[in-house]
N, C-alpha and C. Protein backbone atom coordinates (compact mmCIF):
# COMPACT_ATOMS: atom_id res chain seq x y z
N GLY A 1 0.80 -1.23 -0.03
CA GLY A 1 -0.02 -0.05 -0.03
C GLY A 1 0.79 1.23 -0.01
N LYS A 2 1.88 1.30 0.77
CA LYS A 2 2.78 2.41 0.85
C LYS A 2 3.47 2.66 -0.45
N LEU A 3 3.87 1.65 -1.13
CA LEU A 3 4.54 1.77 -2.46
C LEU A 3 3.63 2.41 -3.46
N ILE A 4 2.44 1.98 -3.46
CA ILE A 4 1.43 2.44 -4.41
C ILE A 4 1.12 3.91 -4.18
N ARG A 5 0.93 4.31 -2.89
CA ARG A 5 0.78 5.70 -2.55
C ARG A 5 1.93 6.62 -2.89
N THR A 6 3.17 6.05 -2.77
CA THR A 6 4.31 6.93 -3.17
C THR A 6 4.39 7.02 -4.68
N VAL A 7 4.11 6.01 -5.44
CA VAL A 7 4.11 6.08 -6.90
C VAL A 7 3.05 7.06 -7.33
N MET A 8 1.85 6.99 -6.80
CA MET A 8 0.76 7.88 -7.21
C MET A 8 1.12 9.26 -6.90
N ARG A 9 1.80 9.57 -5.78
CA ARG A 9 2.13 10.95 -5.45
C ARG A 9 3.17 11.61 -6.46
N VAL A 10 4.15 10.60 -6.85
CA VAL A 10 5.16 11.15 -7.73
C VAL A 10 4.47 11.37 -9.18
N ALA A 11 3.65 10.41 -9.55
CA ALA A 11 2.99 10.55 -10.83
C ALA A 11 2.18 11.75 -10.86
N PHE A 12 1.43 12.14 -9.77
CA PHE A 12 0.72 13.31 -9.74
C PHE A 12 1.53 14.57 -9.89
N LEU A 13 2.64 14.63 -9.33
CA LEU A 13 3.58 15.77 -9.49
C LEU A 13 4.24 15.79 -10.88
N MET A 14 4.39 14.62 -11.51
CA MET A 14 4.90 14.58 -12.83
C MET A 14 3.85 14.86 -13.94
N THR A 15 2.67 14.78 -13.56
CA THR A 15 1.55 14.99 -14.61
C THR A 15 1.24 16.52 -14.50
N PRO A 16 1.09 17.12 -15.67
CA PRO A 16 0.82 18.53 -15.72
C PRO A 16 -0.59 18.94 -15.37
N ILE A 17 -0.86 18.73 -14.02
CA ILE A 17 -2.08 19.17 -13.51
C ILE A 17 -1.94 20.57 -12.85
N LEU A 18 -0.82 20.70 -12.17
CA LEU A 18 -0.53 21.97 -11.42
C LEU A 18 0.28 22.94 -12.30
N TRP A 19 0.79 22.44 -13.45
CA TRP A 19 1.60 23.24 -14.23
C TRP A 19 1.29 22.87 -15.75
N TYR A 20 1.65 23.80 -16.69
CA TYR A 20 1.33 23.58 -18.15
C TYR A 20 2.49 22.77 -18.78
N PRO A 21 2.18 21.91 -19.79
CA PRO A 21 3.24 21.12 -20.43
C PRO A 21 4.26 22.01 -21.15
N GLU A 22 3.87 23.25 -21.60
CA GLU A 22 4.74 24.07 -22.26
C GLU A 22 5.89 24.62 -21.42
N MET A 23 5.72 24.50 -20.14
CA MET A 23 6.72 24.94 -19.16
C MET A 23 8.01 24.04 -19.24
N LEU A 24 7.88 22.85 -19.86
CA LEU A 24 9.08 21.94 -19.91
C LEU A 24 10.04 22.33 -21.01
N GLY A 25 9.53 22.90 -22.06
CA GLY A 25 10.37 23.16 -23.24
C GLY A 25 10.18 22.18 -24.25
N SER A 26 10.54 22.38 -25.48
CA SER A 26 10.25 21.49 -26.63
C SER A 26 11.07 20.19 -26.44
N GLU A 27 12.27 20.18 -25.89
CA GLU A 27 13.07 19.03 -25.92
C GLU A 27 12.53 17.96 -24.87
N LEU A 28 11.87 18.37 -23.86
CA LEU A 28 11.32 17.46 -22.91
C LEU A 28 9.82 17.13 -23.11
N LEU A 29 9.17 17.82 -23.98
CA LEU A 29 7.74 17.63 -24.14
C LEU A 29 7.38 16.32 -24.62
N ASP A 30 8.20 15.63 -25.46
CA ASP A 30 7.92 14.23 -25.93
C ASP A 30 8.04 13.24 -24.76
N LEU A 31 8.74 13.53 -23.75
CA LEU A 31 8.83 12.56 -22.63
C LEU A 31 7.52 12.50 -21.75
N LEU A 32 6.64 13.45 -21.89
CA LEU A 32 5.41 13.43 -21.23
C LEU A 32 4.53 12.21 -21.66
N TYR A 33 4.71 11.76 -22.86
CA TYR A 33 3.93 10.65 -23.35
C TYR A 33 4.29 9.33 -22.58
N LEU A 34 5.39 9.28 -21.86
CA LEU A 34 5.77 8.23 -21.14
C LEU A 34 4.89 8.10 -19.79
N ASN A 35 4.35 9.21 -19.43
CA ASN A 35 3.48 9.26 -18.23
C ASN A 35 2.21 8.78 -18.59
N PRO A 36 1.69 7.69 -17.98
CA PRO A 36 0.37 7.19 -18.36
C PRO A 36 -0.78 8.04 -17.99
N PHE A 37 -0.70 8.97 -17.24
CA PHE A 37 -1.80 9.88 -16.89
C PHE A 37 -1.87 11.10 -17.80
N TYR A 38 -0.73 11.40 -18.40
CA TYR A 38 -0.69 12.63 -19.28
C TYR A 38 -1.66 12.55 -20.53
N CYS A 39 -1.80 11.45 -21.14
CA CYS A 39 -2.63 11.40 -22.24
C CYS A 39 -4.15 11.68 -21.89
N TYR A 40 -4.58 11.07 -20.80
CA TYR A 40 -5.96 11.25 -20.36
C TYR A 40 -6.22 12.73 -20.11
N LEU A 41 -5.20 13.32 -19.36
CA LEU A 41 -5.40 14.74 -18.98
C LEU A 41 -5.36 15.65 -20.23
N ASP A 42 -4.47 15.32 -21.11
CA ASP A 42 -4.34 16.18 -22.37
C ASP A 42 -5.52 16.13 -23.22
N VAL A 43 -6.10 14.92 -23.43
CA VAL A 43 -7.41 14.83 -24.17
C VAL A 43 -8.48 15.66 -23.61
N TYR A 44 -8.72 15.63 -22.31
CA TYR A 44 -9.70 16.43 -21.66
C TYR A 44 -9.36 17.90 -21.62
N ARG A 45 -8.17 18.23 -21.34
CA ARG A 45 -7.74 19.60 -21.18
C ARG A 45 -7.89 20.34 -22.53
N THR A 46 -7.26 19.76 -23.57
CA THR A 46 -7.32 20.47 -24.93
C THR A 46 -8.75 20.43 -25.45
N GLY A 47 -9.48 19.39 -25.17
CA GLY A 47 -10.85 19.27 -25.68
C GLY A 47 -11.73 20.36 -24.98
N LEU A 48 -11.58 20.61 -23.80
CA LEU A 48 -12.38 21.67 -23.02
C LEU A 48 -11.94 23.01 -23.32
N LEU A 49 -10.62 23.21 -23.34
CA LEU A 49 -10.07 24.62 -23.49
C LEU A 49 -10.10 25.14 -24.96
N SER A 50 -9.69 24.25 -25.88
CA SER A 50 -9.57 24.76 -27.28
C SER A 50 -10.59 24.15 -28.17
N GLY A 51 -11.21 22.96 -27.77
CA GLY A 51 -12.18 22.33 -28.72
C GLY A 51 -11.53 21.45 -29.69
N GLU A 52 -10.18 21.30 -29.65
CA GLU A 52 -9.45 20.39 -30.45
C GLU A 52 -8.77 19.34 -29.63
N VAL A 53 -8.63 18.20 -30.16
CA VAL A 53 -7.99 17.10 -29.42
C VAL A 53 -6.68 16.62 -30.15
N ASN A 54 -5.59 16.49 -29.44
CA ASN A 54 -4.32 16.03 -29.98
C ASN A 54 -4.52 14.52 -30.32
N ILE A 55 -4.37 14.14 -31.62
CA ILE A 55 -4.63 12.85 -32.12
C ILE A 55 -3.74 11.76 -31.48
N ILE A 56 -2.44 12.22 -31.18
CA ILE A 56 -1.49 11.29 -30.66
C ILE A 56 -1.84 11.01 -29.21
N SER A 57 -2.32 11.93 -28.45
CA SER A 57 -2.82 11.69 -27.12
C SER A 57 -4.05 10.81 -27.06
N LEU A 58 -4.92 11.02 -28.04
CA LEU A 58 -6.16 10.25 -28.08
C LEU A 58 -5.81 8.82 -28.40
N ILE A 59 -4.95 8.52 -29.45
CA ILE A 59 -4.57 7.17 -29.73
C ILE A 59 -3.88 6.44 -28.69
N THR A 60 -2.98 7.21 -27.97
CA THR A 60 -2.28 6.61 -26.79
C THR A 60 -3.19 6.39 -25.71
N MET A 61 -4.16 7.19 -25.45
CA MET A 61 -5.11 6.97 -24.41
C MET A 61 -6.03 5.68 -24.72
N PHE A 62 -6.46 5.55 -25.97
CA PHE A 62 -7.20 4.28 -26.28
C PHE A 62 -6.31 3.05 -26.23
N GLY A 63 -5.04 3.21 -26.63
CA GLY A 63 -4.17 2.07 -26.55
C GLY A 63 -3.84 1.59 -25.12
N GLN A 64 -3.71 2.65 -24.23
CA GLN A 64 -3.43 2.33 -22.87
C GLN A 64 -4.73 1.68 -22.22
N THR A 65 -5.86 2.22 -22.52
CA THR A 65 -7.15 1.67 -21.97
C THR A 65 -7.30 0.21 -22.40
N ALA A 66 -7.02 -0.08 -23.68
CA ALA A 66 -7.19 -1.49 -24.14
C ALA A 66 -6.15 -2.32 -23.45
N PHE A 67 -4.93 -1.97 -23.38
CA PHE A 67 -3.86 -2.71 -22.72
C PHE A 67 -4.28 -3.07 -21.30
N LEU A 68 -4.63 -2.07 -20.50
CA LEU A 68 -5.03 -2.27 -19.16
C LEU A 68 -6.20 -3.00 -18.96
N SER A 69 -7.22 -2.98 -19.85
CA SER A 69 -8.39 -3.74 -19.86
C SER A 69 -8.09 -5.19 -20.12
N ALA A 70 -7.15 -5.50 -21.03
CA ALA A 70 -6.77 -6.83 -21.29
C ALA A 70 -6.10 -7.48 -20.05
N ILE A 71 -5.22 -6.69 -19.37
CA ILE A 71 -4.53 -7.17 -18.20
C ILE A 71 -5.52 -7.44 -17.06
N ALA A 72 -6.41 -6.46 -16.89
CA ALA A 72 -7.45 -6.68 -15.86
C ALA A 72 -8.28 -7.91 -16.10
N SER A 73 -8.63 -8.13 -17.31
CA SER A 73 -9.48 -9.28 -17.71
C SER A 73 -8.80 -10.59 -17.48
N PHE A 74 -7.42 -10.59 -17.75
CA PHE A 74 -6.58 -11.78 -17.53
C PHE A 74 -6.49 -12.10 -16.04
N VAL A 75 -6.23 -11.06 -15.28
CA VAL A 75 -6.12 -11.24 -13.86
C VAL A 75 -7.36 -11.61 -13.22
N LEU A 76 -8.49 -11.10 -13.59
CA LEU A 76 -9.71 -11.52 -13.10
C LEU A 76 -10.15 -12.94 -13.45
N LYS A 77 -9.85 -13.30 -14.64
CA LYS A 77 -10.12 -14.70 -14.97
C LYS A 77 -9.27 -15.69 -14.23
N THR A 78 -7.98 -15.28 -14.05
CA THR A 78 -7.07 -16.18 -13.44
C THR A 78 -7.30 -16.31 -11.93
N TYR A 79 -7.57 -15.16 -11.29
CA TYR A 79 -7.71 -15.11 -9.91
C TYR A 79 -9.17 -14.77 -9.46
N SER A 80 -10.14 -15.16 -10.26
CA SER A 80 -11.54 -14.70 -9.92
C SER A 80 -11.97 -15.17 -8.56
N SER A 81 -11.67 -16.36 -8.15
CA SER A 81 -12.16 -16.89 -6.82
C SER A 81 -11.54 -16.15 -5.75
N LYS A 82 -10.20 -15.79 -5.88
CA LYS A 82 -9.49 -15.06 -4.83
C LYS A 82 -9.98 -13.63 -4.73
N VAL A 83 -10.17 -12.99 -5.96
CA VAL A 83 -10.64 -11.68 -6.02
C VAL A 83 -12.06 -11.48 -5.39
N LEU A 84 -12.92 -12.39 -5.73
CA LEU A 84 -14.31 -12.39 -5.16
C LEU A 84 -14.28 -12.62 -3.64
N THR A 85 -13.38 -13.55 -3.21
CA THR A 85 -13.24 -13.79 -1.79
C THR A 85 -12.75 -12.56 -1.09
N GLU A 86 -11.81 -11.93 -1.60
CA GLU A 86 -11.23 -10.71 -0.96
C GLU A 86 -12.24 -9.54 -0.93
N LEU A 87 -13.04 -9.38 -2.07
CA LEU A 87 -14.06 -8.40 -2.14
C LEU A 87 -15.15 -8.65 -1.09
N PHE A 88 -15.57 -9.92 -0.97
CA PHE A 88 -16.61 -10.29 -0.03
C PHE A 88 -16.18 -10.14 1.38
N LEU A 89 -14.99 -10.58 1.72
CA LEU A 89 -14.47 -10.46 3.05
C LEU A 89 -14.23 -9.03 3.43
N GLU A 90 -13.67 -8.22 2.52
CA GLU A 90 -13.45 -6.80 2.81
C GLU A 90 -14.80 -6.07 3.08
N LYS A 91 -15.75 -6.38 2.27
CA LYS A 91 -17.01 -5.74 2.30
C LYS A 91 -17.78 -6.05 3.62
N HIS A 92 -17.65 -7.29 4.14
CA HIS A 92 -18.41 -7.70 5.30
C HIS A 92 -17.57 -7.89 6.55
N ALA A 93 -16.34 -7.55 6.49
CA ALA A 93 -15.45 -7.57 7.76
C ALA A 93 -15.75 -6.52 8.73
């Protein structure tokens, strides 16, 4: 649990929520696509502010969603009894 919280805090600070991507400069701007949260944020931010969506961010967002959905489906099928037991015990404990 502590590791996940630490990773999420670092990812939050690395995601341009509190700052604009243009503040990095052009040489580091491409590195933002390595951040899994950036594409989701970029699609919503540019869509709401300018009415245009960056196609690279949109494709990356759909690719990440499909990849994570496939992993979640595999884990759920493999460990469905354990997952349901944990959910049931957590809910009624």
